[in-house]
């Protein structure tokens, strides 16, 4: 994989990690303020989707090596 593609994937992964952390903080704040449970569930679902995208990108960066 070319270095530029690798760098772009790493940048995308970093952005997704930050977004995942932001969702985590938002969810914790919503729970602390007693927000509607349905909204919290929706946020958790979005957070999980971000995590799934992050895992896919990380798999492209470091492919599985069968020894």
C-alpha atoms as a PDB file:
ATOM      1  CA  UNK A   1       0.000   0.000   0.000  1.00  0.00           C
ATOM      2  CA  UNK A   2       1.436   3.403  -0.967  1.00  0.00           C
ATOM      3  CA  UNK A   3       2.581   5.676   1.836  1.00  0.00           C
ATOM      4  CA  UNK A   4       0.017   8.351   0.965  1.00  0.00           C
ATOM      5  CA  UNK A   5      -2.861   5.870   1.210  1.00  0.00           C
ATOM      6  CA  UNK A   6      -1.459   4.633   4.514  1.00  0.00           C
ATOM      7  CA  UNK A   7      -1.259   8.206   5.826  1.00  0.00           C
ATOM      8  CA  UNK A   8      -4.843   8.933   4.756  1.00  0.00           C
ATOM      9  CA  UNK A   9      -6.074   5.807   6.516  1.00  0.00           C
ATOM     10  CA  UNK A  10      -4.224   6.759   9.689  1.00  0.00           C
ATOM     11  CA  UNK A  11      -5.724  10.259   9.555  1.00  0.00           C
ATOM     12  CA  UNK A  12      -9.218   8.840   9.073  1.00  0.00           C
ATOM     13  CA  UNK A  13      -8.664   6.474  11.990  1.00  0.00           C
ATOM     14  CA  UNK A  14      -7.538   9.344  14.217  1.00  0.00           C
ATOM     15  CA  UNK A  15     -10.630  11.371  13.297  1.00  0.00           C
ATOM     16  CA  UNK A  16     -12.910   8.436  14.017  1.00  0.00           C
ATOM     17  CA  UNK A  17     -11.210   7.799  17.366  1.00  0.00           C
ATOM     18  CA  UNK A  18     -11.804  11.423  18.328  1.00  0.00           C
ATOM     19  CA  UNK A  19     -15.422  11.271  17.187  1.00  0.00           C
ATOM     20  CA  UNK A  20     -15.903   8.054  19.169  1.00  0.00           C
ATOM     21  CA  UNK A  21     -14.520   9.748  22.296  1.00  0.00           C
ATOM     22  CA  UNK A  22     -16.784  12.751  21.712  1.00  0.00           C
ATOM     23  CA  UNK A  23     -19.841  10.505  21.484  1.00  0.00           C
ATOM     24  CA  UNK A  24     -18.746   8.751  24.676  1.00  0.00           C
ATOM     25  CA  UNK A  25     -18.506  12.057  26.527  1.00  0.00           C
ATOM     26  CA  UNK A  26     -21.865  13.187  25.156  1.00  0.00           C
ATOM     27  CA  UNK A  27     -23.534   9.936  26.187  1.00  0.00           C
ATOM     28  CA  UNK A  28     -22.117  10.198  29.696  1.00  0.00           C
ATOM     29  CA  UNK A  29     -23.369  13.778  29.965  1.00  0.00           C
ATOM     30  CA  UNK A  30     -26.813  12.751  28.726  1.00  0.00           C
ATOM     31  CA  UNK A  31     -27.001   9.977  31.308  1.00  0.00           C
ATOM     32  CA  UNK A  32     -25.836  12.335  34.077  1.00  0.00           C
ATOM     33  CA  UNK A  33     -28.547  14.872  33.235  1.00  0.00           C
ATOM     34  CA  UNK A  34     -31.265  12.228  33.055  1.00  0.00           C
ATOM     35  CA  UNK A  35     -31.904  12.497  29.330  1.00  0.00           C
ATOM     36  CA  UNK A  36     -34.481  10.333  27.581  1.00  0.00           C
ATOM     37  CA  UNK A  37     -33.348   6.691  27.367  1.00  0.00           C
ATOM     38  CA  UNK A  38     -34.299   6.474  23.687  1.00  0.00           C
ATOM     39  CA  UNK A  39     -31.969   9.342  22.794  1.00  0.00           C
ATOM     40  CA  UNK A  40     -29.163   7.704  24.751  1.00  0.00           C
ATOM     41  CA  UNK A  41     -29.752   4.438  22.862  1.00  0.00           C
ATOM     42  CA  UNK A  42     -29.606   6.264  19.531  1.00  0.00           C
ATOM     43  CA  UNK A  43     -26.332   7.910  20.492  1.00  0.00           C
ATOM     44  CA  UNK A  44     -24.906   4.554  21.567  1.00  0.00           C
ATOM     45  CA  UNK A  45     -25.923   3.062  18.222  1.00  0.00           C
ATOM     46  CA  UNK A  46     -24.126   5.878  16.361  1.00  0.00           C
ATOM     47  CA  UNK A  47     -21.084   5.394  18.574  1.00  0.00           C
ATOM     48  CA  UNK A  48     -21.052   1.679  17.737  1.00  0.00           C
ATOM     49  CA  UNK A  49     -21.272   2.437  14.005  1.00  0.00           C
ATOM     50  CA  UNK A  50     -18.252   4.725  14.337  1.00  0.00           C
ATOM     51  CA  UNK A  51     -16.364   1.995  16.172  1.00  0.00           C
ATOM     52  CA  UNK A  52     -17.178  -0.465  13.391  1.00  0.00           C
ATOM     53  CA  UNK A  53     -15.810   1.952  10.764  1.00  0.00           C
ATOM     54  CA  UNK A  54     -12.708   2.463  12.884  1.00  0.00           C
ATOM     55  CA  UNK A  55     -12.082  -1.280  13.114  1.00  0.00           C
ATOM     56  CA  UNK A  56     -12.428  -1.619   9.331  1.00  0.00           C
ATOM     57  CA  UNK A  57      -9.883   1.132   8.739  1.00  0.00           C
ATOM     58  CA  UNK A  58      -7.478  -0.286  11.313  1.00  0.00           C
ATOM     59  CA  UNK A  59      -7.744  -3.679   9.595  1.00  0.00           C
ATOM     60  CA  UNK A  60      -6.681  -2.025   6.333  1.00  0.00           C
ATOM     61  CA  UNK A  61      -3.705  -0.386   8.040  1.00  0.00           C
ATOM     62  CA  UNK A  62      -2.509  -3.564   9.742  1.00  0.00           C
ATOM     63  CA  UNK A  63      -3.745  -6.611   7.815  1.00  0.00           C
ATOM     64  CA  UNK A  64      -3.996  -9.967   9.541  1.00  0.00           C
ATOM     65  CA  UNK A  65      -0.872 -12.048   9.047  1.00  0.00           C
ATOM     66  CA  UNK A  66      -1.285 -15.779   9.281  1.00  0.00           C
ATOM     67  CA  UNK A  67       1.890 -17.281  10.671  1.00  0.00           C
END
